[in-house]
Amino acid sequence: MVLLNTSLLTHEARAVDDIDKTYIRSLAAPGKTVLVIEYYDGAGKVAERKGFASASGYRAVSPTDIKVNDQVALHLYGLEPCLGDMVNRGENYSGSCAAYAEQQLQIMLKSPKVIFCRAFVSEQNAPAQDASCYGYYNYPGSLDVIDMFEEQLVSLGALRLSKKTDGTVMRPDLVAAEKIGRGGYGMWADPRIKNQ
């Protein structure tokens, strides 16, 4: 049952084109970061929505977790940092893989007007909810974009794809993003990481 749920969520969150960009943009509120979680049922329909707003925004509490409030955290499932330490001279970074990934997630959480997440309905009451999230960033006159957090973090080399016990990746929708990251970005700038 859990594997079915995850595969449905992956299918639902496959590409930015599958989301309603106009709807996400309409959620923006002046002076606040709005966070909306949509919960999907087994048929791929929205069963419920929960909304939150924060004047100070949201923060990363691990390389793959976003704190919503004291009761709820969102987990960007199917991703992980590299193991141990890494060096990226181009970014003047030397330190733990986990700290680097958390830092990159925090950068993504700094300025979105809206954070829009999708989760399976079974996650609804869990304290740590597996989700796929998008950020709507708007700087009038220069930027108006909706980016999937996981795709960006993987293509930047902050995170990599986790594997199942059979060796296949948990997020096949992000294989192309990891290929970009492996081109020498983030963790992949350190040759030792390629051997992990």
C-alpha atoms as a PDB file:
ATOM      1  CA  MET A   1       0.000   0.000   0.000  1.00  0.00           C
ATOM      2  CA  VAL A   2       2.783   2.471   0.861  1.00  0.00           C
ATOM      3  CA  LEU A   3       4.580   1.812  -2.430  1.00  0.00           C
ATOM      4  CA  LEU A   4       1.355   2.446  -4.327  1.00  0.00           C
ATOM      5  CA  ASN A   5       0.797   5.694  -2.444  1.00  0.00           C
ATOM      6  CA  THR A   6       4.318   6.930  -3.164  1.00  0.00           C
ATOM      7  CA  SER A   7       4.067   6.038  -6.837  1.00  0.00           C
ATOM      8  CA  LEU A   8       0.789   7.907  -7.130  1.00  0.00           C
ATOM      9  CA  LEU A   9       2.297  10.944  -5.450  1.00  0.00           C
ATOM     10  CA  THR A  10       5.307  10.797  -7.745  1.00  0.00           C
ATOM     11  CA  HIS A  11       2.988  10.596 -10.742  1.00  0.00           C
ATOM     12  CA  GLU A  12       0.953  13.539  -9.463  1.00  0.00           C
ATOM     13  CA  ALA A  13       4.048  15.656  -8.787  1.00  0.00           C
ATOM     14  CA  ARG A  14       5.910  14.707 -11.929  1.00  0.00           C
ATOM     15  CA  ALA A  15       6.259  18.068 -13.669  1.00  0.00           C
ATOM     16  CA  VAL A  16       5.565  21.724 -13.093  1.00  0.00           C
ATOM     17  CA  ASP A  17       3.238  21.626 -16.098  1.00  0.00           C
ATOM     18  CA  ASP A  18       0.930  19.331 -14.101  1.00  0.00           C
ATOM     19  CA  ILE A  19       0.237  22.045 -11.530  1.00  0.00           C
ATOM     20  CA  ASP A  20      -2.114  25.004 -11.876  1.00  0.00           C
ATOM     21  CA  LYS A  21       0.318  27.919 -11.965  1.00  0.00           C
ATOM     22  CA  THR A  22      -2.453  30.519 -12.013  1.00  0.00           C
ATOM     23  CA  TYR A  23      -3.951  29.017  -8.859  1.00  0.00           C
ATOM     24  CA  ILE A  24      -0.568  28.984  -7.102  1.00  0.00           C
ATOM     25  CA  ARG A  25       0.086  32.617  -8.035  1.00  0.00           C
ATOM     26  CA  SER A  26      -3.381  33.565  -6.747  1.00  0.00           C
ATOM     27  CA  LEU A  27      -2.445  32.312  -3.258  1.00  0.00           C
ATOM     28  CA  ALA A  28       0.173  35.051  -2.743  1.00  0.00           C
ATOM     29  CA  ALA A  29      -0.561  37.520   0.076  1.00  0.00           C
ATOM     30  CA  PRO A  30       1.278  40.804   0.724  1.00  0.00           C
ATOM     31  CA  GLY A  31       3.854  40.605   3.508  1.00  0.00           C
ATOM     32  CA  LYS A  32       3.416  36.868   4.116  1.00  0.00           C
ATOM     33  CA  THR A  33       4.676  33.548   2.845  1.00  0.00           C
ATOM     34  CA  VAL A  34       1.679  31.325   2.164  1.00  0.00           C
ATOM     35  CA  LEU A  35       2.080  27.541   2.418  1.00  0.00           C
ATOM     36  CA  VAL A  36      -0.632  25.261   1.025  1.00  0.00           C
ATOM     37  CA  ILE A  37      -0.664  21.457   1.238  1.00  0.00           C
ATOM     38  CA  GLU A  38      -2.974  19.517  -1.065  1.00  0.00           C
ATOM     39  CA  TYR A  39      -3.761  15.944  -0.031  1.00  0.00           C
ATOM     40  CA  TYR A  40      -4.555  13.500  -2.850  1.00  0.00           C
ATOM     41  CA  ASP A  41      -6.700  10.371  -2.648  1.00  0.00           C
ATOM     42  CA  GLY A  42      -6.060   7.060  -4.437  1.00  0.00           C
ATOM     43  CA  ALA A  43      -7.791   8.343  -7.581  1.00  0.00           C
ATOM     44  CA  GLY A  44      -5.438  11.328  -7.811  1.00  0.00           C
ATOM     45  CA  LYS A  45      -8.104  13.853  -6.750  1.00  0.00           C
ATOM     46  CA  VAL A  46      -7.632  16.534  -4.097  1.00  0.00           C
ATOM     47  CA  ALA A  47      -9.241  15.208  -0.898  1.00  0.00           C
ATOM     48  CA  GLU A  48      -8.348  18.171   1.314  1.00  0.00           C
ATOM     49  CA  ARG A  49      -6.270  21.343   1.458  1.00  0.00           C
ATOM     50  CA  LYS A  50      -4.554  22.935   4.438  1.00  0.00           C
ATOM     51  CA  GLY A  51      -3.243  26.471   4.385  1.00  0.00           C
ATOM     52  CA  PHE A  52      -0.736  28.329   6.525  1.00  0.00           C
ATOM     53  CA  ALA A  53       0.691  31.854   6.424  1.00  0.00           C
ATOM     54  CA  SER A  54       3.800  33.251   8.053  1.00  0.00           C
ATOM     55  CA  ALA A  55       5.218  36.764   8.208  1.00  0.00           C
ATOM     56  CA  SER A  56       8.699  35.331   8.893  1.00  0.00           C
ATOM     57  CA  GLY A  57       8.590  32.465   6.381  1.00  0.00           C
ATOM     58  CA  TYR A  58       9.459  28.806   6.880  1.00  0.00           C
ATOM     59  CA  ARG A  59      12.758  27.154   7.667  1.00  0.00           C
ATOM     60  CA  ALA A  60      14.694  24.013   6.891  1.00  0.00           C
ATOM     61  CA  VAL A  61      15.204  21.758   9.909  1.00  0.00           C
ATOM     62  CA  SER A  62      17.240  19.123   8.029  1.00  0.00           C
ATOM     63  CA  PRO A  63      18.514  18.620   4.464  1.00  0.00           C
ATOM     64  CA  THR A  64      15.051  17.394   3.403  1.00  0.00           C
ATOM     65  CA  ASP A  65      12.600  18.759   6.012  1.00  0.00           C
ATOM     66  CA  ILE A  66      10.661  22.016   6.220  1.00  0.00           C
ATOM     67  CA  LYS A  67       9.117  23.066   9.533  1.00  0.00           C
ATOM     68  CA  VAL A  68       5.539  24.278   9.015  1.00  0.00           C
ATOM     69  CA  ASN A  69       4.674  24.677  12.712  1.00  0.00           C
ATOM     70  CA  ASP A  70       5.195  22.814  15.987  1.00  0.00           C
ATOM     71  CA  GLN A  71       2.951  19.959  14.824  1.00  0.00           C
ATOM     72  CA  VAL A  72       3.865  19.554  11.137  1.00  0.00           C
ATOM     73  CA  ALA A  73       7.024  19.190   9.062  1.00  0.00           C
ATOM     74  CA  LEU A  74       7.164  18.445   5.349  1.00  0.00           C
ATOM     75  CA  HIS A  75       9.671  15.861   4.153  1.00  0.00           C
ATOM     76  CA  LEU A  76      10.967  16.063   0.560  1.00  0.00           C
ATOM     77  CA  TYR A  77      10.855  12.315   0.042  1.00  0.00           C
ATOM     78  CA  GLY A  78      13.140  10.190  -2.101  1.00  0.00           C
ATOM     79  CA  LEU A  79      16.158  12.486  -1.693  1.00  0.00           C
ATOM     80  CA  GLU A  80      19.253  12.446   0.495  1.00  0.00           C
ATOM     81  CA  PRO A  81      22.500  14.357   1.011  1.00  0.00           C
ATOM     82  CA  CYS A  82      25.802  12.690   0.242  1.00  0.00           C
ATOM     83  CA  LEU A  83      27.592  10.922   3.102  1.00  0.00           C
ATOM     84  CA  GLY A  84      30.264  12.579   5.206  1.00  0.00           C
ATOM     85  CA  ASP A  85      32.069  15.720   4.065  1.00  0.00           C
ATOM     86  CA  MET A  86      32.434  17.433   0.710  1.00  0.00           C
ATOM     87  CA  VAL A  87      34.469  20.198  -0.877  1.00  0.00           C
ATOM     88  CA  ASN A  88      33.249  22.582  -3.572  1.00  0.00           C
ATOM     89  CA  ARG A  89      35.971  25.119  -4.321  1.00  0.00           C
ATOM     90  CA  GLY A  90      33.795  27.038  -6.790  1.00  0.00           C
ATOM     91  CA  GLU A  91      31.290  27.784  -4.017  1.00  0.00           C
ATOM     92  CA  ASN A  92      34.007  28.129  -1.354  1.00  0.00           C
ATOM     93  CA  TYR A  93      32.397  25.347   0.670  1.00  0.00           C
ATOM     94  CA  SER A  94      34.047  22.688   2.758  1.00  0.00           C
ATOM     95  CA  GLY A  95      32.032  20.795   5.342  1.00  0.00           C
ATOM     96  CA  SER A  96      29.379  18.188   5.855  1.00  0.00           C
ATOM     97  CA  CYS A  97      27.126  17.081   3.022  1.00  0.00           C
ATOM     98  CA  ALA A  98      24.085  17.406   5.314  1.00  0.00           C
ATOM     99  CA  ALA A  99      24.918  20.999   6.310  1.00  0.00           C
ATOM    100  CA  TYR A 100      25.411  21.965   2.649  1.00  0.00           C
ATOM    101  CA  ALA A 101      22.054  20.463   1.632  1.00  0.00           C
ATOM    102  CA  GLU A 102      20.219  22.112   4.531  1.00  0.00           C
ATOM    103  CA  GLN A 103      21.825  25.446   3.641  1.00  0.00           C
ATOM    104  CA  GLN A 104      20.655  25.112   0.017  1.00  0.00           C
ATOM    105  CA  LEU A 105      17.092  24.211   1.090  1.00  0.00           C
ATOM    106  CA  GLN A 106      17.071  27.230   3.420  1.00  0.00           C
ATOM    107  CA  ILE A 107      18.097  29.469   0.508  1.00  0.00           C
ATOM    108  CA  MET A 108      15.094  28.178  -1.450  1.00  0.00           C
ATOM    109  CA  LEU A 109      12.836  28.947   1.534  1.00  0.00           C
ATOM    110  CA  LYS A 110      14.057  32.545   1.904  1.00  0.00           C
ATOM    111  CA  SER A 111      11.888  34.338  -0.603  1.00  0.00           C
ATOM    112  CA  PRO A 112       8.990  32.394  -2.127  1.00  0.00           C
ATOM    113  CA  LYS A 113       5.633  34.172  -2.040  1.00  0.00           C
ATOM    114  CA  VAL A 114       3.917  30.770  -1.996  1.00  0.00           C
ATOM    115  CA  ILE A 115       5.042  27.257  -1.071  1.00  0.00           C
ATOM    116  CA  PHE A 116       2.703  24.724  -2.644  1.00  0.00           C
ATOM    117  CA  CYS A 117       3.022  21.075  -1.612  1.00  0.00           C
ATOM    118  CA  ARG A 118       1.366  17.827  -2.621  1.00  0.00           C
ATOM    119  CA  ALA A 119       1.026  14.831  -0.323  1.00  0.00           C
ATOM    120  CA  PHE A 120      -0.980  11.652  -0.244  1.00  0.00           C
ATOM    121  CA  VAL A 121      -4.076  11.724   1.991  1.00  0.00           C
ATOM    122  CA  SER A 122      -2.511   9.098   4.313  1.00  0.00           C
ATOM    123  CA  GLU A 123       0.083  11.730   5.297  1.00  0.00           C
ATOM    124  CA  GLN A 124      -2.541  14.209   6.469  1.00  0.00           C
ATOM    125  CA  ASN A 125      -2.175  13.705  10.237  1.00  0.00           C
ATOM    126  CA  ALA A 126       1.467  12.640  10.343  1.00  0.00           C
ATOM    127  CA  PRO A 127       3.944  14.937  12.121  1.00  0.00           C
ATOM    128  CA  ALA A 128       6.466  14.422   9.257  1.00  0.00           C
ATOM    129  CA  GLN A 129       4.617  14.315   5.940  1.00  0.00           C
ATOM    130  CA  ASP A 130       6.183  13.011   2.712  1.00  0.00           C
ATOM    131  CA  ALA A 131       5.521  15.700   0.129  1.00  0.00           C
ATOM    132  CA  SER A 132       6.609  17.252  -3.118  1.00  0.00           C
ATOM    133  CA  CYS A 133       6.857  21.050  -2.963  1.00  0.00           C
ATOM    134  CA  TYR A 134       7.022  24.028  -5.310  1.00  0.00           C
ATOM    135  CA  GLY A 135       7.997  27.630  -4.635  1.00  0.00           C
ATOM    136  CA  TYR A 136       6.492  30.650  -6.366  1.00  0.00           C
ATOM    137  CA  TYR A 137       9.080  33.421  -6.638  1.00  0.00           C
ATOM    138  CA  ASN A 138       8.139  36.877  -7.862  1.00  0.00           C
ATOM    139  CA  TYR A 139      10.355  39.907  -8.215  1.00  0.00           C
ATOM    140  CA  PRO A 140       8.403  42.390 -10.366  1.00  0.00           C
ATOM    141  CA  GLY A 141      10.172  43.212 -13.590  1.00  0.00           C
ATOM    142  CA  SER A 142      12.802  40.473 -13.273  1.00  0.00           C
ATOM    143  CA  LEU A 143      11.454  37.097 -12.113  1.00  0.00           C
ATOM    144  CA  ASP A 144       8.135  35.291 -12.030  1.00  0.00           C
ATOM    145  CA  VAL A 145       8.695  31.528 -11.726  1.00  0.00           C
ATOM    146  CA  ILE A 146       7.382  28.398 -10.044  1.00  0.00           C
ATOM    147  CA  ASP A 147      10.123  25.856  -9.265  1.00  0.00           C
ATOM    148  CA  MET A 148       9.891  22.367  -7.783  1.00  0.00           C
ATOM    149  CA  PHE A 149      12.130  22.337  -4.700  1.00  0.00           C
ATOM    150  CA  GLU A 150      13.297  18.756  -5.248  1.00  0.00           C
ATOM    151  CA  GLU A 151      14.175  19.301  -8.910  1.00  0.00           C
ATOM    152  CA  GLN A 152      16.187  22.418  -8.094  1.00  0.00           C
ATOM    153  CA  LEU A 153      18.024  20.868  -5.136  1.00  0.00           C
ATOM    154  CA  VAL A 154      18.956  17.755  -7.133  1.00  0.00           C
ATOM    155  CA  SER A 155      20.057  19.674 -10.253  1.00  0.00           C
ATOM    156  CA  LEU A 156      22.174  21.992  -8.057  1.00  0.00           C
ATOM    157  CA  GLY A 157      23.875  18.971  -6.482  1.00  0.00           C
ATOM    158  CA  ALA A 158      22.600  19.739  -2.971  1.00  0.00           C
ATOM    159  CA  LEU A 159      20.751  16.416  -2.760  1.00  0.00           C
ATOM    160  CA  ARG A 160      20.822  13.155  -4.685  1.00  0.00           C
ATOM    161  CA  LEU A 161      18.213  10.498  -5.387  1.00  0.00           C
ATOM    162  CA  SER A 162      17.662   7.851  -2.724  1.00  0.00           C
ATOM    163  CA  LYS A 163      17.547   4.261  -3.890  1.00  0.00           C
ATOM    164  CA  LYS A 164      15.200   1.433  -3.003  1.00  0.00           C
ATOM    165  CA  THR A 165      16.581  -1.893  -1.776  1.00  0.00           C
ATOM    166  CA  ASP A 166      16.477  -3.208  -5.361  1.00  0.00           C
ATOM    167  CA  GLY A 167      18.798  -0.396  -6.509  1.00  0.00           C
ATOM    168  CA  THR A 168      16.203   1.638  -8.429  1.00  0.00           C
ATOM    169  CA  VAL A 169      15.710   5.299  -7.570  1.00  0.00           C
ATOM    170  CA  MET A 170      12.758   6.367  -5.437  1.00  0.00           C
ATOM    171  CA  ARG A 171      12.070   9.408  -7.629  1.00  0.00           C
ATOM    172  CA  PRO A 172      12.380   8.435 -11.307  1.00  0.00           C
ATOM    173  CA  ASP A 173      10.787  11.793 -12.174  1.00  0.00           C
ATOM    174  CA  LEU A 174      14.045  13.469 -11.072  1.00  0.00           C
ATOM    175  CA  VAL A 175      16.619  11.352 -12.956  1.00  0.00           C
ATOM    176  CA  ALA A 176      17.184  14.119 -15.536  1.00  0.00           C
ATOM    177  CA  ALA A 177      17.705  16.675 -12.738  1.00  0.00           C
ATOM    178  CA  GLU A 178      20.339  14.460 -11.086  1.00  0.00           C
ATOM    179  CA  LYS A 179      22.118  14.081 -14.428  1.00  0.00           C
ATOM    180  CA  ILE A 180      22.453  17.878 -14.524  1.00  0.00           C
ATOM    181  CA  GLY A 181      23.815  17.959 -10.960  1.00  0.00           C
ATOM    182  CA  ARG A 182      26.303  15.199 -11.727  1.00  0.00           C
ATOM    183  CA  GLY A 183      27.793  17.570 -14.307  1.00  0.00           C
ATOM    184  CA  GLY A 184      29.895  19.057 -11.503  1.00  0.00           C
ATOM    185  CA  TYR A 185      27.490  21.059  -9.357  1.00  0.00           C
ATOM    186  CA  GLY A 186      27.285  21.075  -5.556  1.00  0.00           C
ATOM    187  CA  MET A 187      28.356  17.733  -4.086  1.00  0.00           C
ATOM    188  CA  TRP A 188      29.318  16.431  -7.519  1.00  0.00           C
ATOM    189  CA  ALA A 189      32.198  18.942  -7.713  1.00  0.00           C
ATOM    190  CA  ASP A 190      33.965  16.681  -5.199  1.00  0.00           C
ATOM    191  CA  PRO A 191      35.314  13.608  -7.038  1.00  0.00           C
ATOM    192  CA  ARG A 192      35.056  11.486  -3.857  1.00  0.00           C
ATOM    193  CA  ILE A 193      31.259  11.778  -3.918  1.00  0.00           C
ATOM    194  CA  LYS A 194      30.994  10.089  -7.312  1.00  0.00           C
ATOM    195  CA  ASN A 195      32.332   6.890  -5.712  1.00  0.00           C
ATOM    196  CA  GLN A 196      29.677   6.755  -2.985  1.00  0.00           C
END
